[in-house]
Protein backbone atom coordinates (compact mmCIF):
# COMPACT_ATOMS: atom_id res chain seq x y z
CA MET A 1 -3.85 17.03 19.04
CA ARG A 2 -1.48 17.75 21.91
CA VAL A 3 -2.59 14.80 24.00
CA ALA A 4 -1.64 12.23 21.31
CA ARG A 5 1.87 13.72 21.04
CA GLU A 6 2.43 13.13 24.75
CA LYS A 7 1.35 9.47 24.84
CA LYS A 8 3.54 6.39 24.43
CA ILE A 9 1.76 5.23 21.29
CA CYS A 10 3.09 4.03 17.94
CA LEU A 11 2.50 7.44 16.40
CA ASN A 12 5.27 8.85 18.61
CA CYS A 13 7.65 5.88 18.46
CA LEU A 14 11.05 5.76 16.78
CA PHE A 15 10.18 2.44 15.10
CA PHE A 16 6.92 3.63 13.49
CA ARG A 17 6.81 4.73 9.84
CA ASN A 18 3.59 5.96 8.28
CA ASP A 19 4.50 8.34 5.49
CA PRO A 20 2.57 7.45 2.29
CA ALA A 21 5.61 7.24 -0.01
CA PHE A 22 7.29 4.74 2.33
CA LEU A 23 4.13 2.62 2.63
CA GLU A 24 3.66 2.51 -1.15
CA SER A 25 7.28 1.39 -1.55
CA GLU A 26 6.77 -1.40 1.02
CA PHE A 27 3.43 -2.60 -0.38
CA LYS A 28 4.06 -2.90 -4.11
CA GLY A 29 0.74 -2.73 -5.92
CA TRP A 30 -1.02 -0.81 -3.16
CA ILE A 31 -1.64 1.92 -5.72
CA THR A 32 -3.88 -0.48 -7.67
CA LEU A 33 -6.19 -0.57 -4.64
CA GLY A 34 -6.19 3.18 -4.21
CA SER A 35 -3.32 4.94 -2.54
CA ALA A 36 -1.45 5.19 0.74
CA TYR A 37 -2.41 8.87 0.62
CA GLY A 38 -6.08 7.94 1.17
CA SER A 39 -8.05 9.05 4.21
CA VAL A 40 -9.18 5.50 5.02
CA ARG A 41 -5.64 4.64 6.15
CA LYS A 42 -5.65 7.60 8.55
CA ASP A 43 -2.37 7.46 10.54
CA ASP A 44 -1.75 3.71 10.25
CA GLY A 45 1.76 2.57 9.46
CA ILE A 46 4.49 -0.02 9.87
CA CYS A 47 6.39 -0.86 13.03
CA SER A 48 9.95 -1.68 11.98
CA ARG A 49 10.57 -3.34 15.35
CA HIS A 50 7.73 -5.86 15.00
CA GLU A 51 7.41 -5.76 11.18
CA GLU A 52 3.65 -5.21 11.44
CA TYR A 53 1.14 -2.87 9.84
CA LEU A 54 -0.90 -1.33 12.64
CA SER A 55 -2.81 1.62 13.98
CA ALA A 56 -0.86 4.70 15.02
CA TYR A 57 -2.72 4.55 18.32
CA ASP A 58 -1.55 1.06 19.29
CA TRP A 59 1.20 0.67 21.85
CA CYS A 60 3.65 -1.89 23.26
CA ASN A 61 6.30 -2.14 25.97
CA GLN A 62 9.14 -1.55 23.46
CA PHE A 63 8.19 2.08 22.83
CA ARG A 64 11.13 4.39 22.16
CA PRO A 65 10.54 8.13 21.82
CA GLY A 66 11.43 9.19 18.33
CA PRO A 67 11.35 12.15 16.01
CA ARG A 68 7.96 12.70 14.44
CA LEU A 69 8.27 13.04 10.68
CA ASP A 70 6.06 15.46 8.82
CA PRO A 71 3.40 13.69 6.73
CA GLY A 72 4.86 12.76 3.37
CA ALA A 73 8.47 12.92 4.57
CA SER A 74 10.65 9.85 4.28
């Protein structure tokens, strides 16, 4: 998905965290509803700048290019 990597979207932002282990540590009890490893969540995650859970394909004017973590990395 080369195009997504080139866009100024949350998925590519320094402030965005979407690895499953991190999400499960932030949302205690999420595991009782299923798991952050589930496919329904897709690439959604948390913006540490805005403290919001959102889609990886959202965007805002505070985008900062950041390192993309491998899925499951923290």
